[in-house]
């Protein structure tokens, strides 16, 4: 159990360290990712106003579980929502997770759908 707690604590420390430097603005909001063992969630946040502009996740029976294919669908969904708001550029915040697997699939799908990081 200590190994799991340490792993979670280290990810949070990496996330806080990055968040000191990365923030979203109205022109370039922050695309943040959270992955659990079952699902993956992402939000586009304007930190200057303190509000969430768009969100997408893998919850629900039609969306499936949190594998790489589902993460790609979430990336496409979030890109469509952000482009619908008239924004094209975002700052990618991986929340302390390594850039591989589901996080990478989400980011690449969002780029392919038209977002610029």
PDB file of N, CA and C in Angstrom:
ATOM      1  N   UNK A   1       0.816  -1.196   0.000  1.00  0.00           N
ATOM      2  CA  UNK A   1       0.000   0.000   0.000  1.00  0.00           C
ATOM      3  C   UNK A   1       0.861   1.262   0.000  1.00  0.00           C
ATOM      4  N   UNK A   2       1.996   1.197   0.659  1.00  0.00           N
ATOM      5  CA  UNK A   2       2.875   2.359   0.700  1.00  0.00           C
ATOM      6  C   UNK A   2       3.377   2.733  -0.685  1.00  0.00           C
ATOM      7  N   UNK A   3       3.593   1.733  -1.528  1.00  0.00           N
ATOM      8  CA  UNK A   3       4.073   1.989  -2.883  1.00  0.00           C
ATOM      9  C   UNK A   3       3.028   2.769  -3.681  1.00  0.00           C
ATOM     10  N   UNK A   4       1.767   2.418  -3.499  1.00  0.00           N
ATOM     11  CA  UNK A   4       0.690   3.103  -4.219  1.00  0.00           C
ATOM     12  C   UNK A   4       0.558   4.540  -3.725  1.00  0.00           C
ATOM     13  N   UNK A   5       0.623   4.732  -2.421  1.00  0.00           N
ATOM     14  CA  UNK A   5       0.526   6.087  -1.868  1.00  0.00           C
ATOM     15  C   UNK A   5       1.700   6.945  -2.329  1.00  0.00           C
ATOM     16  N   UNK A   6       2.893   6.349  -2.355  1.00  0.00           N
ATOM     17  CA  UNK A   6       4.081   7.087  -2.793  1.00  0.00           C
ATOM     18  C   UNK A   6       3.975   7.472  -4.259  1.00  0.00           C
ATOM     19  N   UNK A   7       3.475   6.564  -5.075  1.00  0.00           N
ATOM     20  CA  UNK A   7       3.319   6.839  -6.504  1.00  0.00           C
ATOM     21  C   UNK A   7       2.334   7.988  -6.723  1.00  0.00           C
ATOM     22  N   UNK A   8       1.217   7.971  -5.988  1.00  0.00           N
ATOM     23  CA  UNK A   8       0.220   9.035  -6.109  1.00  0.00           C
ATOM     24  C   UNK A   8       0.793  10.372  -5.634  1.00  0.00           C
ATOM     25  N   UNK A   9       1.526  10.338  -4.511  1.00  0.00           N
ATOM     26  CA  UNK A   9       2.118  11.555  -3.965  1.00  0.00           C
ATOM     27  C   UNK A   9       3.156  12.143  -4.914  1.00  0.00           C
ATOM     28  N   UNK A  10       3.962  11.307  -5.553  1.00  0.00           N
ATOM     29  CA  UNK A  10       4.972  11.790  -6.487  1.00  0.00           C
ATOM     30  C   UNK A  10       4.325  12.418  -7.727  1.00  0.00           C
ATOM     31  N   UNK A  11       3.223  11.828  -8.205  1.00  0.00           N
ATOM     32  CA  UNK A  11       2.525  12.409  -9.347  1.00  0.00           C
ATOM     33  C   UNK A  11       1.961  13.773  -8.976  1.00  0.00           C
ATOM     34  N   UNK A  12       1.413  13.891  -7.782  1.00  0.00           N
ATOM     35  CA  UNK A  12       0.871  15.176  -7.340  1.00  0.00           C
ATOM     36  C   UNK A  12       1.971  16.224  -7.215  1.00  0.00           C
ATOM     37  N   UNK A  13       3.127  15.827  -6.743  1.00  0.00           N
ATOM     38  CA  UNK A  13       4.247  16.770  -6.648  1.00  0.00           C
ATOM     39  C   UNK A  13       4.676  17.249  -8.028  1.00  0.00           C
ATOM     40  N   UNK A  14       4.750  16.319  -8.999  1.00  0.00           N
ATOM     41  CA  UNK A  14       5.088  16.721 -10.366  1.00  0.00           C
ATOM     42  C   UNK A  14       4.028  17.665 -10.918  1.00  0.00           C
ATOM     43  N   UNK A  15       2.758  17.368 -10.643  1.00  0.00           N
ATOM     44  CA  UNK A  15       1.666  18.203 -11.135  1.00  0.00           C
ATOM     45  C   UNK A  15       1.738  19.608 -10.549  1.00  0.00           C
ATOM     46  N   UNK A  16       1.969  19.732  -9.240  1.00  0.00           N
ATOM     47  CA  UNK A  16       2.077  21.052  -8.612  1.00  0.00           C
ATOM     48  C   UNK A  16       3.273  21.832  -9.152  1.00  0.00           C
ATOM     49  N   UNK A  17       4.366  21.137  -9.389  1.00  0.00           N
ATOM     50  CA  UNK A  17       5.568  21.793  -9.915  1.00  0.00           C
ATOM     51  C   UNK A  17       5.308  22.360 -11.312  1.00  0.00           C
ATOM     52  N   UNK A  18       4.598  21.619 -12.140  1.00  0.00           N
ATOM     53  CA  UNK A  18       4.278  22.100 -13.488  1.00  0.00           C
ATOM     54  C   UNK A  18       3.240  23.210 -13.440  1.00  0.00           C
ATOM     55  N   UNK A  19       2.262  23.093 -12.522  1.00  0.00           N
ATOM     56  CA  UNK A  19       1.203  24.092 -12.447  1.00  0.00           C
ATOM     57  C   UNK A  19       1.697  25.464 -12.002  1.00  0.00           C
ATOM     58  N   UNK A  20       2.864  25.520 -11.366  1.00  0.00           N
ATOM     59  CA  UNK A  20       3.430  26.818 -11.026  1.00  0.00           C
ATOM     60  C   UNK A  20       3.800  27.590 -12.280  1.00  0.00           C
ATOM     61  N   UNK A  21       4.095  26.894 -13.363  1.00  0.00           N
ATOM     62  CA  UNK A  21       4.561  27.524 -14.593  1.00  0.00           C
ATOM     63  C   UNK A  21       3.500  27.566 -15.691  1.00  0.00           C
ATOM     64  N   UNK A  22       2.595  26.604 -15.720  1.00  0.00           N
ATOM     65  CA  UNK A  22       1.619  26.477 -16.802  1.00  0.00           C
ATOM     66  C   UNK A  22       0.273  27.002 -16.340  1.00  0.00           C
ATOM     67  N   UNK A  23      -0.291  27.915 -17.091  1.00  0.00           N
ATOM     68  CA  UNK A  23      -1.646  28.377 -16.808  1.00  0.00           C
ATOM     69  C   UNK A  23      -2.324  28.732 -18.122  1.00  0.00           C
ATOM     70  N   UNK A  24      -3.636  28.658 -18.112  1.00  0.00           N
ATOM     71  CA  UNK A  24      -4.405  28.948 -19.303  1.00  0.00           C
ATOM     72  C   UNK A  24      -4.954  30.355 -19.280  1.00  0.00           C
ATOM     73  N   UNK A  25      -5.073  30.946 -20.449  1.00  0.00           N
ATOM     74  CA  UNK A  25      -5.650  32.276 -20.586  1.00  0.00           C
ATOM     75  C   UNK A  25      -6.890  32.173 -21.454  1.00  0.00           C
ATOM     76  N   UNK A  26      -7.549  33.292 -21.671  1.00  0.00           N
ATOM     77  CA  UNK A  26      -8.744  33.282 -22.515  1.00  0.00           C
ATOM     78  C   UNK A  26      -8.383  32.955 -23.965  1.00  0.00           C
ATOM     79  N   UNK A  27      -7.208  33.423 -24.416  1.00  0.00           N
ATOM     80  CA  UNK A  27      -6.797  33.168 -25.800  1.00  0.00           C
ATOM     81  C   UNK A  27      -6.214  31.771 -25.973  1.00  0.00           C
ATOM     82  N   UNK A  28      -5.573  31.248 -24.915  1.00  0.00           N
ATOM     83  CA  UNK A  28      -4.929  29.941 -24.968  1.00  0.00           C
ATOM     84  C   UNK A  28      -5.201  29.196 -23.656  1.00  0.00           C
ATOM     85  N   UNK A  29      -6.364  28.531 -23.566  1.00  0.00           N
ATOM     86  CA  UNK A  29      -6.711  27.840 -22.320  1.00  0.00           C
ATOM     87  C   UNK A  29      -5.877  26.577 -22.115  1.00  0.00           C
ATOM     88  N   UNK A  30      -5.975  26.017 -20.923  1.00  0.00           N
ATOM     89  CA  UNK A  30      -5.200  24.842 -20.535  1.00  0.00           C
ATOM     90  C   UNK A  30      -6.050  23.589 -20.710  1.00  0.00           C
ATOM     91  N   UNK A  31      -5.520  22.605 -21.449  1.00  0.00           N
ATOM     92  CA  UNK A  31      -6.162  21.310 -21.613  1.00  0.00           C
ATOM     93  C   UNK A  31      -5.526  20.353 -20.617  1.00  0.00           C
ATOM     94  N   UNK A  32      -6.264  19.980 -19.582  1.00  0.00           N
ATOM     95  CA  UNK A  32      -5.731  19.132 -18.534  1.00  0.00           C
ATOM     96  C   UNK A  32      -6.344  17.738 -18.604  1.00  0.00           C
ATOM     97  N   UNK A  33      -5.565  16.741 -18.203  1.00  0.00           N
ATOM     98  CA  UNK A  33      -5.956  15.337 -18.302  1.00  0.00           C
ATOM     99  C   UNK A  33      -5.924  14.707 -16.918  1.00  0.00           C
ATOM    100  N   UNK A  34      -6.925  13.900 -16.613  1.00  0.00           N
ATOM    101  CA  UNK A  34      -6.896  13.060 -15.422  1.00  0.00           C
ATOM    102  C   UNK A  34      -7.252  11.653 -15.850  1.00  0.00           C
ATOM    103  N   UNK A  35      -6.449  10.690 -15.420  1.00  0.00           N
ATOM    104  CA  UNK A  35      -6.765   9.309 -15.764  1.00  0.00           C
ATOM    105  C   UNK A  35      -6.912   8.500 -14.486  1.00  0.00           C
ATOM    106  N   UNK A  36      -7.982   7.754 -14.430  1.00  0.00           N
ATOM    107  CA  UNK A  36      -8.185   6.830 -13.324  1.00  0.00           C
ATOM    108  C   UNK A  36      -7.935   5.428 -13.859  1.00  0.00           C
ATOM    109  N   UNK A  37      -8.157   4.431 -13.032  1.00  0.00           N
ATOM    110  CA  UNK A  37      -7.927   3.074 -13.500  1.00  0.00           C
ATOM    111  C   UNK A  37      -8.969   2.637 -14.520  1.00  0.00           C
ATOM    112  N   UNK A  38     -10.148   3.248 -14.497  1.00  0.00           N
ATOM    113  CA  UNK A  38     -11.224   2.854 -15.407  1.00  0.00           C
ATOM    114  C   UNK A  38     -11.491   3.862 -16.529  1.00  0.00           C
ATOM    115  N   UNK A  39     -11.295   5.139 -16.271  1.00  0.00           N
ATOM    116  CA  UNK A  39     -11.707   6.165 -17.223  1.00  0.00           C
ATOM    117  C   UNK A  39     -10.620   7.210 -17.408  1.00  0.00           C
ATOM    118  N   UNK A  40     -10.836   8.077 -18.401  1.00  0.00           N
ATOM    119  CA  UNK A  40      -9.958   9.218 -18.616  1.00  0.00           C
ATOM    120  C   UNK A  40     -10.843  10.447 -18.803  1.00  0.00           C
ATOM    121  N   UNK A  41     -10.432  11.544 -18.209  1.00  0.00           N
ATOM    122  CA  UNK A  41     -11.206  12.780 -18.212  1.00  0.00           C
ATOM    123  C   UNK A  41     -10.309  13.903 -18.714  1.00  0.00           C
ATOM    124  N   UNK A  42     -10.873  14.875 -19.406  1.00  0.00           N
ATOM    125  CA  UNK A  42     -10.096  16.056 -19.779  1.00  0.00           C
ATOM    126  C   UNK A  42     -10.994  17.286 -19.711  1.00  0.00           C
ATOM    127  N   UNK A  43     -10.365  18.408 -19.418  1.00  0.00           N
ATOM    128  CA  UNK A  43     -11.064  19.686 -19.318  1.00  0.00           C
ATOM    129  C   UNK A  43     -10.239  20.756 -19.994  1.00  0.00           C
ATOM    130  N   UNK A  44     -10.910  21.737 -20.532  1.00  0.00           N
ATOM    131  CA  UNK A  44     -10.252  22.928 -21.059  1.00  0.00           C
ATOM    132  C   UNK A  44     -10.616  24.057 -20.113  1.00  0.00           C
ATOM    133  N   UNK A  45      -9.590  24.656 -19.484  1.00  0.00           N
ATOM    134  CA  UNK A  45      -9.795  25.587 -18.387  1.00  0.00           C
ATOM    135  C   UNK A  45      -9.168  26.941 -18.706  1.00  0.00           C
ATOM    136  N   UNK A  46      -9.915  28.008 -18.456  1.00  0.00           N
ATOM    137  CA  UNK A  46      -9.402  29.371 -18.517  1.00  0.00           C
ATOM    138  C   UNK A  46      -9.037  29.758 -17.088  1.00  0.00           C
ATOM    139  N   UNK A  47      -7.748  29.705 -16.758  1.00  0.00           N
ATOM    140  CA  UNK A  47      -7.312  29.960 -15.384  1.00  0.00           C
ATOM    141  C   UNK A  47      -7.456  31.419 -14.980  1.00  0.00           C
ATOM    142  N   UNK A  48      -7.394  32.341 -15.927  1.00  0.00           N
ATOM    143  CA  UNK A  48      -7.521  33.749 -15.567  1.00  0.00           C
ATOM    144  C   UNK A  48      -8.942  34.068 -15.092  1.00  0.00           C
ATOM    145  N   UNK A  49      -9.950  33.432 -15.680  1.00  0.00           N
ATOM    146  CA  UNK A  49     -11.330  33.626 -15.245  1.00  0.00           C
ATOM    147  C   UNK A  49     -11.758  32.581 -14.230  1.00  0.00           C
ATOM    148  N   UNK A  50     -10.993  31.495 -14.122  1.00  0.00           N
ATOM    149  CA  UNK A  50     -11.310  30.451 -13.162  1.00  0.00           C
ATOM    150  C   UNK A  50     -12.518  29.624 -13.541  1.00  0.00           C
ATOM    151  N   UNK A  51     -12.660  29.297 -14.834  1.00  0.00           N
ATOM    152  CA  UNK A  51     -13.818  28.511 -15.239  1.00  0.00           C
ATOM    153  C   UNK A  51     -13.450  27.472 -16.285  1.00  0.00           C
ATOM    154  N   UNK A  52     -14.240  26.428 -16.330  1.00  0.00           N
ATOM    155  CA  UNK A  52     -14.054  25.348 -17.296  1.00  0.00           C
ATOM    156  C   UNK A  52     -14.848  25.682 -18.547  1.00  0.00           C
ATOM    157  N   UNK A  53     -14.181  25.628 -19.691  1.00  0.00           N
ATOM    158  CA  UNK A  53     -14.827  25.955 -20.957  1.00  0.00           C
ATOM    159  C   UNK A  53     -15.462  24.730 -21.605  1.00  0.00           C
ATOM    160  N   UNK A  54     -14.806  23.579 -21.505  1.00  0.00           N
ATOM    161  CA  UNK A  54     -15.319  22.349 -22.110  1.00  0.00           C
ATOM    162  C   UNK A  54     -14.750  21.155 -21.368  1.00  0.00           C
ATOM    163  N   UNK A  55     -15.455  20.029 -21.439  1.00  0.00           N
ATOM    164  CA  UNK A  55     -14.951  18.813 -20.809  1.00  0.00           C
ATOM    165  C   UNK A  55     -15.431  17.597 -21.594  1.00  0.00           C
ATOM    166  N   UNK A  56     -14.699  16.502 -21.446  1.00  0.00           N
ATOM    167  CA  UNK A  56     -15.058  15.237 -22.081  1.00  0.00           C
ATOM    168  C   UNK A  56     -14.470  14.112 -21.249  1.00  0.00           C
ATOM    169  N   UNK A  57     -15.111  12.946 -21.310  1.00  0.00           N
ATOM    170  CA  UNK A  57     -14.622  11.795 -20.554  1.00  0.00           C
ATOM    171  C   UNK A  57     -15.130  10.512 -21.186  1.00  0.00           C
ATOM    172  N   UNK A  58     -14.737   9.386 -20.609  1.00  0.00           N
ATOM    173  CA  UNK A  58     -15.142   8.081 -21.139  1.00  0.00           C
ATOM    174  C   UNK A  58     -16.279   7.462 -20.353  1.00  0.00           C
ATOM    175  N   UNK A  59     -16.895   8.188 -19.442  1.00  0.00           N
ATOM    176  CA  UNK A  59     -17.993   7.621 -18.669  1.00  0.00           C
ATOM    177  C   UNK A  59     -19.215   7.440 -19.552  1.00  0.00           C
ATOM    178  N   UNK A  60     -20.057   6.495 -19.197  1.00  0.00           N
ATOM    179  CA  UNK A  60     -21.276   6.224 -19.942  1.00  0.00           C
ATOM    180  C   UNK A  60     -21.171   4.923 -20.702  1.00  0.00           C
ATOM    181  N   UNK A  61     -22.302   4.266 -20.921  1.00  0.00           N
ATOM    182  CA  UNK A  61     -22.256   2.951 -21.562  1.00  0.00           C
ATOM    183  C   UNK A  61     -21.821   2.982 -23.020  1.00  0.00           C
ATOM    184  N   UNK A  62     -22.094   4.047 -23.731  1.00  0.00           N
ATOM    185  CA  UNK A  62     -21.760   4.101 -25.155  1.00  0.00           C
ATOM    186  C   UNK A  62     -20.299   4.467 -25.408  1.00  0.00           C
ATOM    187  N   UNK A  63     -19.627   5.025 -24.411  1.00  0.00           N
ATOM    188  CA  UNK A  63     -18.265   5.514 -24.620  1.00  0.00           C
ATOM    189  C   UNK A  63     -17.199   4.469 -24.332  1.00  0.00           C
ATOM    190  N   UNK A  64     -17.501   3.462 -23.528  1.00  0.00           N
ATOM    191  CA  UNK A  64     -16.536   2.409 -23.243  1.00  0.00           C
ATOM    192  C   UNK A  64     -15.646   2.735 -22.065  1.00  0.00           C
ATOM    193  N   UNK A  65     -14.671   1.864 -21.836  1.00  0.00           N
ATOM    194  CA  UNK A  65     -13.770   2.052 -20.715  1.00  0.00           C
ATOM    195  C   UNK A  65     -12.579   2.901 -21.136  1.00  0.00           C
ATOM    196  N   UNK A  66     -11.643   3.084 -20.216  1.00  0.00           N
ATOM    197  CA  UNK A  66     -10.545   4.011 -20.436  1.00  0.00           C
ATOM    198  C   UNK A  66      -9.332   3.402 -21.107  1.00  0.00           C
ATOM    199  N   UNK A  67      -9.476   2.767 -22.252  1.00  0.00           N
ATOM    200  CA  UNK A  67      -8.302   2.275 -22.969  1.00  0.00           C
ATOM    201  C   UNK A  67      -7.834   3.315 -23.976  1.00  0.00           C
ATOM    202  N   UNK A  68      -6.795   2.999 -24.750  1.00  0.00           N
ATOM    203  CA  UNK A  68      -6.217   3.979 -25.672  1.00  0.00           C
ATOM    204  C   UNK A  68      -7.197   4.399 -26.759  1.00  0.00           C
ATOM    205  N   UNK A  69      -8.001   3.482 -27.243  1.00  0.00           N
ATOM    206  CA  UNK A  69      -8.985   3.829 -28.278  1.00  0.00           C
ATOM    207  C   UNK A  69     -10.023   4.805 -27.725  1.00  0.00           C
ATOM    208  N   UNK A  70     -10.481   4.550 -26.513  1.00  0.00           N
ATOM    209  CA  UNK A  70     -11.453   5.454 -25.892  1.00  0.00           C
ATOM    210  C   UNK A  70     -10.818   6.811 -25.608  1.00  0.00           C
ATOM    211  N   UNK A  71      -9.545   6.819 -25.219  1.00  0.00           N
ATOM    212  CA  UNK A  71      -8.850   8.087 -24.986  1.00  0.00           C
ATOM    213  C   UNK A  71      -8.749   8.884 -26.280  1.00  0.00           C
ATOM    214  N   UNK A  72      -8.541   8.213 -27.386  1.00  0.00           N
ATOM    215  CA  UNK A  72      -8.518   8.893 -28.680  1.00  0.00           C
ATOM    216  C   UNK A  72      -9.857   9.520 -29.010  1.00  0.00           C
ATOM    217  N   UNK A  73     -10.945   8.805 -28.699  1.00  0.00           N
ATOM    218  CA  UNK A  73     -12.282   9.377 -28.931  1.00  0.00           C
ATOM    219  C   UNK A  73     -12.513  10.601 -28.064  1.00  0.00           C
ATOM    220  N   UNK A  74     -12.027  10.565 -26.827  1.00  0.00           N
ATOM    221  CA  UNK A  74     -12.168  11.714 -25.928  1.00  0.00           C
ATOM    222  C   UNK A  74     -11.372  12.898 -26.470  1.00  0.00           C
ATOM    223  N   UNK A  75     -10.170  12.654 -26.991  1.00  0.00           N
ATOM    224  CA  UNK A  75      -9.372  13.717 -27.585  1.00  0.00           C
ATOM    225  C   UNK A  75     -10.072  14.364 -28.765  1.00  0.00           C
ATOM    226  N   UNK A  76     -10.709  13.555 -29.589  1.00  0.00           N
ATOM    227  CA  UNK A  76     -11.460  14.095 -30.728  1.00  0.00           C
ATOM    228  C   UNK A  76     -12.653  14.910 -30.250  1.00  0.00           C
ATOM    229  N   UNK A  77     -13.362  14.410 -29.238  1.00  0.00           N
ATOM    230  CA  UNK A  77     -14.521  15.133 -28.702  1.00  0.00           C
ATOM    231  C   UNK A  77     -14.134  16.485 -28.134  1.00  0.00           C
ATOM    232  N   UNK A  78     -13.064  16.518 -27.353  1.00  0.00           N
ATOM    233  CA  UNK A  78     -12.664  17.780 -26.739  1.00  0.00           C
ATOM    234  C   UNK A  78     -12.201  18.770 -27.800  1.00  0.00           C
ATOM    235  N   UNK A  79     -11.537  18.278 -28.828  1.00  0.00           N
ATOM    236  CA  UNK A  79     -11.096  19.164 -29.907  1.00  0.00           C
ATOM    237  C   UNK A  79     -12.288  19.776 -30.630  1.00  0.00           C
ATOM    238  N   UNK A  80     -13.313  18.980 -30.875  1.00  0.00           N
ATOM    239  CA  UNK A  80     -14.511  19.504 -31.547  1.00  0.00           C
ATOM    240  C   UNK A  80     -15.192  20.570 -30.687  1.00  0.00           C
ATOM    241  N   UNK A  81     -15.256  20.339 -29.380  1.00  0.00           N
ATOM    242  CA  UNK A  81     -15.883  21.315 -28.483  1.00  0.00           C
ATOM    243  C   UNK A  81     -15.092  22.620 -28.438  1.00  0.00           C
ATOM    244  N   UNK A  82     -13.759  22.514 -28.374  1.00  0.00           N
ATOM    245  CA  UNK A  82     -12.926  23.712 -28.292  1.00  0.00           C
ATOM    246  C   UNK A  82     -12.973  24.479 -29.612  1.00  0.00           C
ATOM    247  N   UNK A  83     -12.913  23.771 -30.717  1.00  0.00           N
ATOM    248  CA  UNK A  83     -12.997  24.440 -32.016  1.00  0.00           C
ATOM    249  C   UNK A  83     -14.365  25.095 -32.189  1.00  0.00           C
ATOM    250  N   UNK A  84     -15.400  24.506 -31.615  1.00  0.00           N
ATOM    251  CA  UNK A  84     -16.739  25.102 -31.639  1.00  0.00           C
ATOM    252  C   UNK A  84     -16.815  26.400 -30.845  1.00  0.00           C
ATOM    253  N   UNK A  85     -15.936  26.563 -29.865  1.00  0.00           N
ATOM    254  CA  UNK A  85     -15.872  27.803 -29.091  1.00  0.00           C
ATOM    255  C   UNK A  85     -15.087  28.893 -29.813  1.00  0.00           C
ATOM    256  N   UNK A  86     -14.473  28.552 -30.943  1.00  0.00           N
ATOM    257  CA  UNK A  86     -13.692  29.527 -31.694  1.00  0.00           C
ATOM    258  C   UNK A  86     -12.236  29.598 -31.270  1.00  0.00           C
ATOM    259  N   UNK A  87     -11.774  28.615 -30.531  1.00  0.00           N
ATOM    260  CA  UNK A  87     -10.381  28.565 -30.098  1.00  0.00           C
ATOM    261  C   UNK A  87      -9.652  27.488 -30.880  1.00  0.00           C
ATOM    262  N   UNK A  88      -8.376  27.714 -31.140  1.00  0.00           N
ATOM    263  CA  UNK A  88      -7.592  26.734 -31.882  1.00  0.00           C
ATOM    264  C   UNK A  88      -6.361  26.283 -31.111  1.00  0.00           C
ATOM    265  N   UNK A  89      -5.802  27.157 -30.262  1.00  0.00           N
ATOM    266  CA  UNK A  89      -4.584  26.843 -29.525  1.00  0.00           C
ATOM    267  C   UNK A  89      -4.891  26.612 -28.054  1.00  0.00           C
ATOM    268  N   UNK A  90      -4.271  25.579 -27.483  1.00  0.00           N
ATOM    269  CA  UNK A  90      -4.384  25.290 -26.058  1.00  0.00           C
ATOM    270  C   UNK A  90      -3.002  24.960 -25.508  1.00  0.00           C
ATOM    271  N   UNK A  91      -2.885  25.007 -24.190  1.00  0.00           N
ATOM    272  CA  UNK A  91      -1.676  24.581 -23.484  1.00  0.00           C
ATOM    273  C   UNK A  91      -1.976  23.205 -22.921  1.00  0.00           C
ATOM    274  N   UNK A  92      -1.145  22.210 -23.215  1.00  0.00           N
ATOM    275  CA  UNK A  92      -1.410  20.846 -22.768  1.00  0.00           C
ATOM    276  C   UNK A  92      -0.794  20.617 -21.388  1.00  0.00           C
ATOM    277  N   UNK A  93      -1.623  20.199 -20.445  1.00  0.00           N
ATOM    278  CA  UNK A  93      -1.193  19.901 -19.083  1.00  0.00           C
ATOM    279  C   UNK A  93      -1.456  18.419 -18.841  1.00  0.00           C
ATOM    280  N   UNK A  94      -0.398  17.631 -18.782  1.00  0.00           N
ATOM    281  CA  UNK A  94      -0.559  16.184 -18.618  1.00  0.00           C
ATOM    282  C   UNK A  94      -0.721  15.780 -17.166  1.00  0.00           C
ATOM    283  N   UNK A  95      -0.754  16.734 -16.246  1.00  0.00           N
ATOM    284  CA  UNK A  95      -1.053  16.518 -14.827  1.00  0.00           C
ATOM    285  C   UNK A  95      -0.079  15.585 -14.127  1.00  0.00           C
ATOM    286  N   UNK A  96       1.154  15.594 -14.535  1.00  0.00           N
ATOM    287  CA  UNK A  96       2.158  14.783 -13.876  1.00  0.00           C
ATOM    288  C   UNK A  96       2.256  13.362 -14.385  1.00  0.00           C
ATOM    289  N   UNK A  97       1.390  12.963 -15.324  1.00  0.00           N
ATOM    290  CA  UNK A  97       1.451  11.627 -15.892  1.00  0.00           C
ATOM    291  C   UNK A  97       2.517  11.586 -16.976  1.00  0.00           C
ATOM    292  N   UNK A  98       3.076  10.404 -17.201  1.00  0.00           N
ATOM    293  CA  UNK A  98       4.039  10.248 -18.278  1.00  0.00           C
ATOM    294  C   UNK A  98       3.317  10.380 -19.618  1.00  0.00           C
ATOM    295  N   UNK A  99       4.019  10.896 -20.618  1.00  0.00           N
ATOM    296  CA  UNK A  99       3.409  11.105 -21.932  1.00  0.00           C
ATOM    297  C   UNK A  99       3.521   9.813 -22.736  1.00  0.00           C
ATOM    298  N   UNK A 100       2.667   8.855 -22.432  1.00  0.00           N
ATOM    299  CA  UNK A 100       2.576   7.627 -23.203  1.00  0.00           C
ATOM    300  C   UNK A 100       1.225   6.995 -22.906  1.00  0.00           C
ATOM    301  N   UNK A 101       0.858   6.014 -23.667  1.00  0.00           N
ATOM    302  CA  UNK A 101      -0.398   5.307 -23.436  1.00  0.00           C
ATOM    303  C   UNK A 101      -1.615   6.177 -23.678  1.00  0.00           C
ATOM    304  N   UNK A 102      -2.507   6.207 -22.690  1.00  0.00           N
ATOM    305  CA  UNK A 102      -3.775   6.916 -22.856  1.00  0.00           C
ATOM    306  C   UNK A 102      -3.601   8.421 -22.964  1.00  0.00           C
ATOM    307  N   UNK A 103      -2.648   8.977 -22.228  1.00  0.00           N
ATOM    308  CA  UNK A 103      -2.414  10.426 -22.289  1.00  0.00           C
ATOM    309  C   UNK A 103      -1.918  10.810 -23.681  1.00  0.00           C
ATOM    310  N   UNK A 104      -1.005  10.038 -24.230  1.00  0.00           N
ATOM    311  CA  UNK A 104      -0.477  10.302 -25.565  1.00  0.00           C
ATOM    312  C   UNK A 104      -1.563  10.117 -26.628  1.00  0.00           C
ATOM    313  N   UNK A 105      -2.394   9.093 -26.487  1.00  0.00           N
ATOM    314  CA  UNK A 105      -3.475   8.854 -27.452  1.00  0.00           C
ATOM    315  C   UNK A 105      -4.461  10.017 -27.464  1.00  0.00           C
ATOM    316  N   UNK A 106      -4.795  10.536 -26.290  1.00  0.00           N
ATOM    317  CA  UNK A 106      -5.704  11.675 -26.203  1.00  0.00           C
ATOM    318  C   UNK A 106      -5.095  12.903 -26.875  1.00  0.00           C
ATOM    319  N   UNK A 107      -3.830  13.186 -26.585  1.00  0.00           N
ATOM    320  CA  UNK A 107      -3.174  14.374 -27.141  1.00  0.00           C
ATOM    321  C   UNK A 107      -3.049  14.278 -28.656  1.00  0.00           C
ATOM    322  N   UNK A 108      -2.652  13.119 -29.167  1.00  0.00           N
ATOM    323  CA  UNK A 108      -2.487  12.975 -30.611  1.00  0.00           C
ATOM    324  C   UNK A 108      -3.822  13.055 -31.345  1.00  0.00           C
ATOM    325  N   UNK A 109      -4.886  12.505 -30.748  1.00  0.00           N
ATOM    326  CA  UNK A 109      -6.206  12.599 -31.373  1.00  0.00           C
ATOM    327  C   UNK A 109      -6.689  14.049 -31.398  1.00  0.00           C
ATOM    328  N   UNK A 110      -6.414  14.801 -30.340  1.00  0.00           N
ATOM    329  CA  UNK A 110      -6.810  16.210 -30.307  1.00  0.00           C
ATOM    330  C   UNK A 110      -6.043  17.009 -31.355  1.00  0.00           C
ATOM    331  N   UNK A 111      -4.751  16.713 -31.509  1.00  0.00           N
ATOM    332  CA  UNK A 111      -3.965  17.392 -32.554  1.00  0.00           C
ATOM    333  C   UNK A 111      -4.488  17.055 -33.943  1.00  0.00           C
ATOM    334  N   UNK A 112      -4.808  15.787 -34.143  1.00  0.00           N
ATOM    335  CA  UNK A 112      -5.294  15.354 -35.453  1.00  0.00           C
ATOM    336  C   UNK A 112      -6.633  16.007 -35.787  1.00  0.00           C
ATOM    337  N   UNK A 113      -7.436  16.282 -34.768  1.00  0.00           N
ATOM    338  CA  UNK A 113      -8.733  16.911 -34.976  1.00  0.00           C
ATOM    339  C   UNK A 113      -8.645  18.409 -35.187  1.00  0.00           C
ATOM    340  N   UNK A 114      -7.443  18.995 -34.998  1.00  0.00           N
ATOM    341  CA  UNK A 114      -7.284  20.408 -35.328  1.00  0.00           C
ATOM    342  C   UNK A 114      -6.776  21.310 -34.217  1.00  0.00           C
ATOM    343  N   UNK A 115      -6.577  20.805 -33.014  1.00  0.00           N
ATOM    344  CA  UNK A 115      -6.041  21.642 -31.945  1.00  0.00           C
ATOM    345  C   UNK A 115      -4.533  21.795 -32.090  1.00  0.00           C
ATOM    346  N   UNK A 116      -4.024  22.928 -31.661  1.00  0.00           N
ATOM    347  CA  UNK A 116      -2.582  23.179 -31.660  1.00  0.00           C
ATOM    348  C   UNK A 116      -2.122  23.312 -30.221  1.00  0.00           C
ATOM    349  N   UNK A 117      -1.056  22.584 -29.868  1.00  0.00           N
ATOM    350  CA  UNK A 117      -0.491  22.658 -28.518  1.00  0.00           C
ATOM    351  C   UNK A 117       0.731  23.516 -28.543  1.00  0.00           C
TER     352      UNK A 117
END
